[in-house]
PDB file of N, CA and C in Angstrom:
ATOM      1  N   MET A   1      81.775 130.861 107.571  1.00  0.00           N
ATOM      2  CA  MET A   1      82.473 130.571 106.334  1.00  0.00           C
ATOM      3  C   MET A   1      81.784 131.307 105.189  1.00  0.00           C
ATOM      4  N   THR A   2      82.567 132.008 104.394  1.00  0.00           N
ATOM      5  CA  THR A   2      82.027 132.753 103.266  1.00  0.00           C
ATOM      6  C   THR A   2      82.390 132.043 101.974  1.00  0.00           C
ATOM      7  N   ILE A   3      81.412 131.828 101.148  1.00  0.00           N
ATOM      8  CA  ILE A   3      81.647 131.225  99.847  1.00  0.00           C
ATOM      9  C   ILE A   3      81.509 132.316  98.802  1.00  0.00           C
ATOM     10  N   HIS A   4      82.557 132.472  97.998  1.00  0.00           N
ATOM     11  CA  HIS A   4      82.549 133.494  96.957  1.00  0.00           C
ATOM     12  C   HIS A   4      82.272 132.841  95.614  1.00  0.00           C
ATOM     13  N   THR A   5      81.378 133.431  94.868  1.00  0.00           N
ATOM     14  CA  THR A   5      81.183 132.979  93.502  1.00  0.00           C
ATOM     15  C   THR A   5      82.226 133.666  92.635  1.00  0.00           C
ATOM     16  N   GLU A   6      82.418 133.142  91.434  1.00  0.00           N
ATOM     17  CA  GLU A   6      83.424 133.709  90.542  1.00  0.00           C
ATOM     18  C   GLU A   6      83.149 135.179  90.253  1.00  0.00           C
ATOM     19  N   SER A   7      81.889 135.583  90.211  1.00  0.00           N
ATOM     20  CA  SER A   7      81.560 136.976  89.917  1.00  0.00           C
ATOM     21  C   SER A   7      81.898 137.916  91.072  1.00  0.00           C
ATOM     22  N   GLN A   8      82.104 137.373  92.284  1.00  0.00           N
ATOM     23  CA  GLN A   8      82.438 138.198  93.443  1.00  0.00           C
ATOM     24  C   GLN A   8      83.942 138.338  93.641  1.00  0.00           C
ATOM     25  N   ILE A   9      84.724 137.453  93.065  1.00  0.00           N
ATOM     26  CA  ILE A   9      86.173 137.467  93.245  1.00  0.00           C
ATOM     27  C   ILE A   9      86.766 138.657  92.487  1.00  0.00           C
ATOM     28  N   GLU A  10      87.614 139.417  93.177  1.00  0.00           N
ATOM     29  CA  GLU A  10      88.315 140.511  92.504  1.00  0.00           C
ATOM     30  C   GLU A  10      89.445 139.919  91.680  1.00  0.00           C
ATOM     31  N   ILE A  11      89.484 140.276  90.419  1.00  0.00           N
ATOM     32  CA  ILE A  11      90.438 139.696  89.483  1.00  0.00           C
ATOM     33  C   ILE A  11      91.478 140.732  89.081  1.00  0.00           C
ATOM     34  N   ASN A  12      92.728 140.303  89.127  1.00  0.00           N
ATOM     35  CA  ASN A  12      93.835 141.103  88.627  1.00  0.00           C
ATOM     36  C   ASN A  12      94.254 140.503  87.286  1.00  0.00           C
ATOM     37  N   VAL A  13      94.463 141.366  86.315  1.00  0.00           N
ATOM     38  CA  VAL A  13      94.820 140.915  84.979  1.00  0.00           C
ATOM     39  C   VAL A  13      96.222 141.423  84.655  1.00  0.00           C
ATOM     40  N   GLY A  14      97.064 140.521  84.200  1.00  0.00           N
ATOM     41  CA  GLY A  14      98.400 140.888  83.735  1.00  0.00           C
ATOM     42  C   GLY A  14      98.466 140.679  82.237  1.00  0.00           C
ATOM     43  N   VAL A  15      99.026 141.651  81.535  1.00  0.00           N
ATOM     44  CA  VAL A  15      99.129 141.556  80.082  1.00  0.00           C
ATOM     45  C   VAL A  15     100.586 141.751  79.675  1.00  0.00           C
ATOM     46  N   ASP A  16     101.146 140.728  79.027  1.00  0.00           N
ATOM     47  CA  ASP A  16     102.491 140.817  78.471  1.00  0.00           C
ATOM     48  C   ASP A  16     102.328 141.199  77.008  1.00  0.00           C
ATOM     49  N   VAL A  17     102.846 142.348  76.643  1.00  0.00           N
ATOM     50  CA  VAL A  17     102.614 142.919  75.318  1.00  0.00           C
ATOM     51  C   VAL A  17     103.763 142.603  74.375  1.00  0.00           C
ATOM     52  N   GLY A  18     103.402 142.185  73.200  1.00  0.00           N
ATOM     53  CA  GLY A  18     104.363 141.994  72.118  1.00  0.00           C
ATOM     54  C   GLY A  18     103.863 142.708  70.879  1.00  0.00           C
ATOM     55  N   LYS A  19     104.708 142.825  69.890  1.00  0.00           N
ATOM     56  CA  LYS A  19     104.327 143.519  68.664  1.00  0.00           C
ATOM     57  C   LYS A  19     103.130 142.840  67.994  1.00  0.00           C
ATOM     58  N   SER A  20     103.111 141.512  67.987  1.00  0.00           N
ATOM     59  CA  SER A  20     102.061 140.801  67.261  1.00  0.00           C
ATOM     60  C   SER A  20     101.058 140.069  68.149  1.00  0.00           C
ATOM     61  N   LYS A  21     101.334 139.967  69.472  1.00  0.00           N
ATOM     62  CA  LYS A  21     100.417 139.220  70.332  1.00  0.00           C
ATOM     63  C   LYS A  21     100.387 139.776  71.749  1.00  0.00           C
ATOM     64  N   LEU A  22      99.327 139.427  72.459  1.00  0.00           N
ATOM     65  CA  LEU A  22      99.166 139.775  73.869  1.00  0.00           C
ATOM     66  C   LEU A  22      98.992 138.476  74.645  1.00  0.00           C
ATOM     67  N   ASP A  23      99.778 138.295  75.707  1.00  0.00           N
ATOM     68  CA  ASP A  23      99.606 137.173  76.623  1.00  0.00           C
ATOM     69  C   ASP A  23      98.868 137.722  77.830  1.00  0.00           C
ATOM     70  N   ILE A  24      97.730 137.115  78.157  1.00  0.00           N
ATOM     71  CA  ILE A  24      96.853 137.644  79.196  1.00  0.00           C
ATOM     72  C   ILE A  24      96.630 136.597  80.269  1.00  0.00           C
ATOM     73  N   VAL A  25      96.771 137.016  81.544  1.00  0.00           N
ATOM     74  CA  VAL A  25      96.560 136.127  82.683  1.00  0.00           C
ATOM     75  C   VAL A  25      95.547 136.768  83.616  1.00  0.00           C
ATOM     76  N   LEU A  26      94.572 135.969  84.072  1.00  0.00           N
ATOM     77  CA  LEU A  26      93.583 136.424  85.049  1.00  0.00           C
ATOM     78  C   LEU A  26      93.864 135.711  86.365  1.00  0.00           C
ATOM     79  N   HIS A  27      94.221 136.496  87.383  1.00  0.00           N
ATOM     80  CA  HIS A  27      94.564 135.948  88.695  1.00  0.00           C
ATOM     81  C   HIS A  27      93.494 136.366  89.693  1.00  0.00           C
ATOM     82  N   PRO A  28      92.990 135.543  90.531  1.00  0.00           N
ATOM     83  CA  PRO A  28      93.423 134.197  90.917  1.00  0.00           C
ATOM     84  C   PRO A  28      92.713 133.065  90.167  1.00  0.00           C
ATOM     85  N   LEU A  29      92.083 133.352  89.048  1.00  0.00           N
ATOM     86  CA  LEU A  29      91.358 132.318  88.324  1.00  0.00           C
ATOM     87  C   LEU A  29      92.270 131.333  87.598  1.00  0.00           C
ATOM     88  N   ASP A  30      93.559 131.674  87.484  1.00  0.00           N
ATOM     89  CA  ASP A  30      94.541 130.841  86.786  1.00  0.00           C
ATOM     90  C   ASP A  30      94.125 130.599  85.341  1.00  0.00           C
ATOM     91  N   LEU A  31      93.536 131.617  84.728  1.00  0.00           N
ATOM     92  CA  LEU A  31      93.203 131.572  83.312  1.00  0.00           C
ATOM     93  C   LEU A  31      94.271 132.341  82.553  1.00  0.00           C
ATOM     94  N   HIS A  32      94.749 131.765  81.478  1.00  0.00           N
ATOM     95  CA  HIS A  32      95.728 132.473  80.658  1.00  0.00           C
ATOM     96  C   HIS A  32      95.495 132.110  79.193  1.00  0.00           C
ATOM     97  N   PHE A  33      95.691 133.102  78.347  1.00  0.00           N
ATOM     98  CA  PHE A  33      95.486 132.896  76.922  1.00  0.00           C
ATOM     99  C   PHE A  33      96.276 133.932  76.143  1.00  0.00           C
ATOM    100  N   GLN A  34      96.373 133.695  74.845  1.00  0.00           N
ATOM    101  CA  GLN A  34      97.135 134.572  73.974  1.00  0.00           C
ATOM    102  C   GLN A  34      96.236 134.984  72.816  1.00  0.00           C
ATOM    103  N   ILE A  35      96.309 136.261  72.451  1.00  0.00           N
ATOM    104  CA  ILE A  35      95.530 136.757  71.317  1.00  0.00           C
ATOM    105  C   ILE A  35      96.437 137.588  70.414  1.00  0.00           C
ATOM    106  N   PRO A  36      96.062 137.719  69.142  1.00  0.00           N
ATOM    107  CA  PRO A  36      96.795 138.654  68.282  1.00  0.00           C
ATOM    108  C   PRO A  36      96.600 140.085  68.791  1.00  0.00           C
ATOM    109  N   ASN A  37      97.640 140.888  68.667  1.00  0.00           N
ATOM    110  CA  ASN A  37      97.592 142.282  69.108  1.00  0.00           C
ATOM    111  C   ASN A  37      97.001 143.131  67.974  1.00  0.00           C
ATOM    112  N   ASP A  38      95.689 142.965  67.776  1.00  0.00           N
ATOM    113  CA  ASP A  38      94.990 143.770  66.771  1.00  0.00           C
ATOM    114  C   ASP A  38      93.642 144.220  67.329  1.00  0.00           C
ATOM    115  N   GLU A  39      93.068 145.205  66.686  1.00  0.00           N
ATOM    116  CA  GLU A  39      91.849 145.836  67.209  1.00  0.00           C
ATOM    117  C   GLU A  39      90.697 144.851  67.387  1.00  0.00           C
ATOM    118  N   GLU A  40      90.473 143.985  66.413  1.00  0.00           N
ATOM    119  CA  GLU A  40      89.351 143.042  66.489  1.00  0.00           C
ATOM    120  C   GLU A  40      89.457 142.130  67.716  1.00  0.00           C
ATOM    121  N   ASN A  41      90.620 141.547  67.944  1.00  0.00           N
ATOM    122  CA  ASN A  41      90.803 140.634  69.076  1.00  0.00           C
ATOM    123  C   ASN A  41      90.830 141.368  70.406  1.00  0.00           C
ATOM    124  N   ILE A  42      91.379 142.561  70.416  1.00  0.00           N
ATOM    125  CA  ILE A  42      91.386 143.364  71.646  1.00  0.00           C
ATOM    126  C   ILE A  42      89.948 143.662  72.077  1.00  0.00           C
ATOM    127  N   LEU A  43      89.098 144.025  71.128  1.00  0.00           N
ATOM    128  CA  LEU A  43      87.705 144.330  71.462  1.00  0.00           C
ATOM    129  C   LEU A  43      86.974 143.097  71.997  1.00  0.00           C
ATOM    130  N   LYS A  44      87.293 141.915  71.480  1.00  0.00           N
ATOM    131  CA  LYS A  44      86.699 140.676  71.995  1.00  0.00           C
ATOM    132  C   LYS A  44      87.103 140.450  73.453  1.00  0.00           C
ATOM    133  N   VAL A  45      88.378 140.671  73.765  1.00  0.00           N
ATOM    134  CA  VAL A  45      88.866 140.482  75.140  1.00  0.00           C
ATOM    135  C   VAL A  45      88.238 141.513  76.070  1.00  0.00           C
ATOM    136  N   ILE A  46      88.125 142.740  75.622  1.00  0.00           N
ATOM    137  CA  ILE A  46      87.499 143.790  76.430  1.00  0.00           C
ATOM    138  C   ILE A  46      86.074 143.387  76.777  1.00  0.00           C
ATOM    139  N   HIS A  47      85.350 142.842  75.815  1.00  0.00           N
ATOM    140  CA  HIS A  47      83.972 142.390  76.042  1.00  0.00           C
ATOM    141  C   HIS A  47      83.931 141.315  77.133  1.00  0.00           C
ATOM    142  N   VAL A  48      84.864 140.391  77.108  1.00  0.00           N
ATOM    143  CA  VAL A  48      84.939 139.330  78.132  1.00  0.00           C
ATOM    144  C   VAL A  48      85.302 139.924  79.496  1.00  0.00           C
ATOM    145  N   LEU A  49      86.282 140.824  79.529  1.00  0.00           N
ATOM    146  CA  LEU A  49      86.729 141.407  80.794  1.00  0.00           C
ATOM    147  C   LEU A  49      85.627 142.239  81.452  1.00  0.00           C
ATOM    148  N   LYS A  50      84.807 142.904  80.656  1.00  0.00           N
ATOM    149  CA  LYS A  50      83.738 143.734  81.218  1.00  0.00           C
ATOM    150  C   LYS A  50      82.723 142.899  81.995  1.00  0.00           C
ATOM    151  N   LYS A  51      82.657 141.611  81.722  1.00  0.00           N
ATOM    152  CA  LYS A  51      81.716 140.718  82.407  1.00  0.00           C
ATOM    153  C   LYS A  51      82.269 140.208  83.734  1.00  0.00           C
ATOM    154  N   ARG A  52      83.517 140.514  84.031  1.00  0.00           N
ATOM    155  CA  ARG A  52      84.178 140.040  85.247  1.00  0.00           C
ATOM    156  C   ARG A  52      84.337 141.181  86.245  1.00  0.00           C
ATOM    157  N   ASN A  53      84.641 140.815  87.472  1.00  0.00           N
ATOM    158  CA  ASN A  53      84.891 141.792  88.533  1.00  0.00           C
ATOM    159  C   ASN A  53      86.393 142.125  88.530  1.00  0.00           C
ATOM    160  N   ILE A  54      86.794 142.981  87.618  1.00  0.00           N
ATOM    161  CA  ILE A  54      88.215 143.309  87.425  1.00  0.00           C
ATOM    162  C   ILE A  54      88.628 144.391  88.415  1.00  0.00           C
ATOM    163  N   LYS A  55      89.639 144.066  89.234  1.00  0.00           N
ATOM    164  CA  LYS A  55      90.185 145.047  90.182  1.00  0.00           C
ATOM    165  C   LYS A  55      91.183 145.956  89.477  1.00  0.00           C
ATOM    166  N   ARG A  56      92.063 145.349  88.668  1.00  0.00           N
ATOM    167  CA  ARG A  56      93.037 146.142  87.912  1.00  0.00           C
ATOM    168  C   ARG A  56      93.584 145.312  86.767  1.00  0.00           C
ATOM    169  N   ILE A  57      94.018 146.016  85.736  1.00  0.00           N
ATOM    170  CA  ILE A  57      94.698 145.410  84.597  1.00  0.00           C
ATOM    171  C   ILE A  57      96.061 146.078  84.522  1.00  0.00           C
ATOM    172  N   VAL A  58      97.113 145.278  84.568  1.00  0.00           N
ATOM    173  CA  VAL A  58      98.468 145.823  84.558  1.00  0.00           C
ATOM    174  C   VAL A  58      99.158 145.446  83.251  1.00  0.00           C
ATOM    175  N   VAL A  59      99.728 146.451  82.608  1.00  0.00           N
ATOM    176  CA  VAL A  59     100.436 146.252  81.352  1.00  0.00           C
ATOM    177  C   VAL A  59     101.721 147.076  81.389  1.00  0.00           C
ATOM    178  N   GLU A  60     102.797 146.511  80.850  1.00  0.00           N
ATOM    179  CA  GLU A  60     104.060 147.257  80.779  1.00  0.00           C
ATOM    180  C   GLU A  60     104.054 148.177  79.564  1.00  0.00           C
ATOM    181  N   ALA A  61     104.698 149.322  79.707  1.00  0.00           N
ATOM    182  CA  ALA A  61     104.873 150.246  78.587  1.00  0.00           C
ATOM    183  C   ALA A  61     106.006 149.705  77.709  1.00  0.00           C
ATOM    184  N   ILE A  62     105.640 149.159  76.565  1.00  0.00           N
ATOM    185  CA  ILE A  62     106.611 148.501  75.689  1.00  0.00           C
ATOM    186  C   ILE A  62     106.561 149.130  74.296  1.00  0.00           C
ATOM    187  N   GLY A  63     107.265 150.184  74.090  1.00  0.00           N
ATOM    188  CA  GLY A  63     107.425 150.767  72.763  1.00  0.00           C
ATOM    189  C   GLY A  63     106.162 151.005  71.971  1.00  0.00           C
ATOM    190  N   ARG A  64     105.110 151.405  72.613  1.00  0.00           N
ATOM    191  CA  ARG A  64     103.827 151.761  71.996  1.00  0.00           C
ATOM    192  C   ARG A  64     102.986 150.571  71.549  1.00  0.00           C
ATOM    193  N   TYR A  65     103.465 149.357  71.650  1.00  0.00           N
ATOM    194  CA  TYR A  65     102.674 148.193  71.246  1.00  0.00           C
ATOM    195  C   TYR A  65     101.476 147.988  72.169  1.00  0.00           C
ATOM    196  N   GLU A  66     101.511 148.600  73.329  1.00  0.00           N
ATOM    197  CA  GLU A  66     100.418 148.463  74.293  1.00  0.00           C
ATOM    198  C   GLU A  66      99.301 149.478  74.067  1.00  0.00           C
ATOM    199  N   HIS A  67      99.519 150.477  73.245  1.00  0.00           N
ATOM    200  CA  HIS A  67      98.581 151.592  73.107  1.00  0.00           C
ATOM    201  C   HIS A  67      97.163 151.169  72.744  1.00  0.00           C
ATOM    202  N   ALA A  68      96.982 150.311  71.755  1.00  0.00           N
ATOM    203  CA  ALA A  68      95.625 149.920  71.337  1.00  0.00           C
ATOM    204  C   ALA A  68      94.880 149.254  72.484  1.00  0.00           C
ATOM    205  N   PHE A  69      95.566 148.384  73.230  1.00  0.00           N
ATOM    206  CA  PHE A  69      94.921 147.704  74.350  1.00  0.00           C
ATOM    207  C   PHE A  69      94.587 148.690  75.472  1.00  0.00           C
ATOM    208  N   VAL A  70      95.523 149.559  75.802  1.00  0.00           N
ATOM    209  CA  VAL A  70      95.303 150.541  76.869  1.00  0.00           C
ATOM    210  C   VAL A  70      94.144 151.474  76.513  1.00  0.00           C
ATOM    211  N   PHE A  71      94.111 151.958  75.287  1.00  0.00           N
ATOM    212  CA  PHE A  71      93.028 152.856  74.873  1.00  0.00           C
ATOM    213  C   PHE A  71      91.679 152.144  74.909  1.00  0.00           C
ATOM    214  N   ALA A  72      91.644 150.874  74.493  1.00  0.00           N
ATOM    215  CA  ALA A  72      90.385 150.114  74.514  1.00  0.00           C
ATOM    216  C   ALA A  72      89.899 149.915  75.948  1.00  0.00           C
ATOM    217  N   CYS A  73      90.823 149.620  76.862  1.00  0.00           N
ATOM    218  CA  CYS A  73      90.447 149.471  78.279  1.00  0.00           C
ATOM    219  C   CYS A  73      89.917 150.787  78.832  1.00  0.00           C
ATOM    220  N   ASP A  74      90.577 151.868  78.496  1.00  0.00           N
ATOM    221  CA  ASP A  74      90.147 153.181  78.968  1.00  0.00           C
ATOM    222  C   ASP A  74      88.751 153.515  78.442  1.00  0.00           C
ATOM    223  N   GLN A  75      88.516 153.267  77.171  1.00  0.00           N
ATOM    224  CA  GLN A  75      87.198 153.537  76.577  1.00  0.00           C
ATOM    225  C   GLN A  75      86.106 152.703  77.235  1.00  0.00           C
ATOM    226  N   ALA A  76      86.465 151.493  77.706  1.00  0.00           N
ATOM    227  CA  ALA A  76      85.497 150.591  78.342  1.00  0.00           C
ATOM    228  C   ALA A  76      85.407 150.825  79.851  1.00  0.00           C
ATOM    229  N   ASN A  77      86.110 151.846  80.348  1.00  0.00           N
ATOM    230  CA  ASN A  77      86.143 152.168  81.781  1.00  0.00           C
ATOM    231  C   ASN A  77      86.667 151.014  82.633  1.00  0.00           C
ATOM    232  N   LEU A  78      87.625 150.279  82.100  1.00  0.00           N
ATOM    233  CA  LEU A  78      88.287 149.223  82.865  1.00  0.00           C
ATOM    234  C   LEU A  78      89.495 149.827  83.576  1.00  0.00           C
ATOM    235  N   PRO A  79      89.833 149.327  84.762  1.00  0.00           N
ATOM    236  CA  PRO A  79      90.926 149.907  85.562  1.00  0.00           C
ATOM    237  C   PRO A  79      92.308 149.504  85.039  1.00  0.00           C
ATOM    238  N   ILE A  80      92.811 150.237  84.079  1.00  0.00           N
ATOM    239  CA  ILE A  80      94.094 149.923  83.436  1.00  0.00           C
ATOM    240  C   ILE A  80      95.232 150.690  84.092  1.00  0.00           C
ATOM    241  N   VAL A  81      96.350 149.999  84.322  1.00  0.00           N
ATOM    242  CA  VAL A  81      97.546 150.601  84.912  1.00  0.00           C
ATOM    243  C   VAL A  81      98.717 150.282  83.991  1.00  0.00           C
ATOM    244  N   VAL A  82      99.417 151.313  83.532  1.00  0.00           N
ATOM    245  CA  VAL A  82     100.596 151.125  82.696  1.00  0.00           C
ATOM    246  C   VAL A  82     101.820 151.324  83.574  1.00  0.00           C
ATOM    247  N   VAL A  83     102.699 150.314  83.603  1.00  0.00           N
ATOM    248  CA  VAL A  83     103.858 150.364  84.485  1.00  0.00           C
ATOM    249  C   VAL A  83     105.152 150.413  83.686  1.00  0.00           C
ATOM    250  N   ASN A  84     106.176 150.927  84.334  1.00  0.00           N
ATOM    251  CA  ASN A  84     107.505 151.007  83.749  1.00  0.00           C
ATOM    252  C   ASN A  84     108.169 149.629  83.868  1.00  0.00           C
ATOM    253  N   PRO A  85     108.569 149.003  82.752  1.00  0.00           N
ATOM    254  CA  PRO A  85     109.143 147.660  82.814  1.00  0.00           C
ATOM    255  C   PRO A  85     110.444 147.587  83.622  1.00  0.00           C
ATOM    256  N   ILE A  86     111.216 148.647  83.637  1.00  0.00           N
ATOM    257  CA  ILE A  86     112.461 148.640  84.428  1.00  0.00           C
ATOM    258  C   ILE A  86     112.124 148.570  85.914  1.00  0.00           C
ATOM    259  N   SER A  87     111.119 149.316  86.346  1.00  0.00           N
ATOM    260  CA  SER A  87     110.705 149.269  87.752  1.00  0.00           C
ATOM    261  C   SER A  87     110.194 147.888  88.138  1.00  0.00           C
ATOM    262  N   VAL A  88     109.460 147.252  87.240  1.00  0.00           N
ATOM    263  CA  VAL A  88     108.939 145.908  87.512  1.00  0.00           C
ATOM    264  C   VAL A  88     110.097 144.930  87.684  1.00  0.00           C
ATOM    265  N   ARG A  89     111.063 144.986  86.802  1.00  0.00           N
ATOM    266  CA  ARG A  89     112.211 144.065  86.893  1.00  0.00           C
ATOM    267  C   ARG A  89     113.035 144.311  88.161  1.00  0.00           C
ATOM    268  N   ARG A  90     113.237 145.562  88.497  1.00  0.00           N
ATOM    269  CA  ARG A  90     113.990 145.870  89.723  1.00  0.00           C
ATOM    270  C   ARG A  90     113.261 145.384  90.962  1.00  0.00           C
ATOM    271  N   TYR A  91     111.937 145.561  90.990  1.00  0.00           N
ATOM    272  CA  TYR A  91     111.155 145.068  92.122  1.00  0.00           C
ATOM    273  C   TYR A  91     111.271 143.547  92.215  1.00  0.00           C
ATOM    274  N   ALA A  92     111.159 142.873  91.080  1.00  0.00           N
ATOM    275  CA  ALA A  92     111.284 141.410  91.070  1.00  0.00           C
ATOM    276  C   ALA A  92     112.644 140.978  91.611  1.00  0.00           C
ATOM    277  N   GLN A  93     113.690 141.676  91.240  1.00  0.00           N
ATOM    278  CA  GLN A  93     115.034 141.359  91.745  1.00  0.00           C
ATOM    279  C   GLN A  93     115.107 141.528  93.251  1.00  0.00           C
ATOM    280  N   VAL A  94     114.512 142.587  93.765  1.00  0.00           N
ATOM    281  CA  VAL A  94     114.556 142.870  95.196  1.00  0.00           C
ATOM    282  C   VAL A  94     113.873 141.764  95.997  1.00  0.00           C
ATOM    283  N   ILE A  95     112.766 141.238  95.475  1.00  0.00           N
ATOM    284  CA  ILE A  95     112.061 140.185  96.211  1.00  0.00           C
ATOM    285  C   ILE A  95     112.527 138.786  95.828  1.00  0.00           C
ATOM    286  N   GLY A  96     113.571 138.711  94.993  1.00  0.00           N
ATOM    287  CA  GLY A  96     114.193 137.425  94.689  1.00  0.00           C
ATOM    288  C   GLY A  96     113.547 136.629  93.580  1.00  0.00           C
ATOM    289  N   ILE A  97     112.827 137.293  92.685  1.00  0.00           N
ATOM    290  CA  ILE A  97     112.217 136.600  91.557  1.00  0.00           C
ATOM    291  C   ILE A  97     113.025 136.906  90.317  1.00  0.00           C
ATOM    292  N   LEU A  98     113.366 135.852  89.583  1.00  0.00           N
ATOM    293  CA  LEU A  98     114.110 136.032  88.347  1.00  0.00           C
ATOM    294  C   LEU A  98     113.125 136.453  87.260  1.00  0.00           C
ATOM    295  N   ALA A  99     113.183 137.701  86.854  1.00  0.00           N
ATOM    296  CA  ALA A  99     112.308 138.210  85.793  1.00  0.00           C
ATOM    297  C   ALA A  99     112.984 137.938  84.451  1.00  0.00           C
ATOM    298  N   LYS A 100     112.165 137.760  83.436  1.00  0.00           N
ATOM    299  CA  LYS A 100     112.741 137.514  82.113  1.00  0.00           C
ATOM    300  C   LYS A 100     113.561 138.710  81.679  1.00  0.00           C
ATOM    301  N   CYS A 101     114.566 138.446  80.890  1.00  0.00           N
ATOM    302  CA  CYS A 101     115.384 139.540  80.384  1.00  0.00           C
ATOM    303  C   CYS A 101     115.812 139.213  78.974  1.00  0.00           C
ATOM    304  N   SER A 102     116.279 140.212  78.275  1.00  0.00           N
ATOM    305  CA  SER A 102     116.714 140.014  76.903  1.00  0.00           C
ATOM    306  C   SER A 102     118.225 139.859  76.802  1.00  0.00           C
ATOM    307  N   CYS A 103     118.849 139.516  77.943  1.00  0.00           N
ATOM    308  CA  CYS A 103     120.301 139.375  77.929  1.00  0.00           C
ATOM    309  C   CYS A 103     120.698 138.008  77.362  1.00  0.00           C
ATOM    310  N   PRO A 104     121.875 137.949  76.715  1.00  0.00           N
ATOM    311  CA  PRO A 104     122.334 136.674  76.143  1.00  0.00           C
ATOM    312  C   PRO A 104     122.604 135.654  77.237  1.00  0.00           C
ATOM    313  N   ARG A 105     122.354 134.438  76.953  1.00  0.00           N
ATOM    314  CA  ARG A 105     122.558 133.359  77.931  1.00  0.00           C
ATOM    315  C   ARG A 105     123.753 132.523  77.567  1.00  0.00           C
TER     316      ARG A 105
END
């Protein structure tokens, strides 16, 4: 039996980008939080992430609102991946997950 400490667990980070805020989830730690999408708060999050065993950080390309976060991750040598939101939604549909959409209800 192998016991893993939190520092040994590979963590995947998902970031939902908005104009004024970032929603961040650390999996499998089930940690989630929201920060303002500004340089000061982004640098604080980068400092926290650098202390973890981050396997990848995934962020959707959303009208340039992700740029400050992506550049900060790159400068900190964190494994950042920018994905196409249309591809993510199509993949979710294929596997039967209802992804959020901006369509009227």
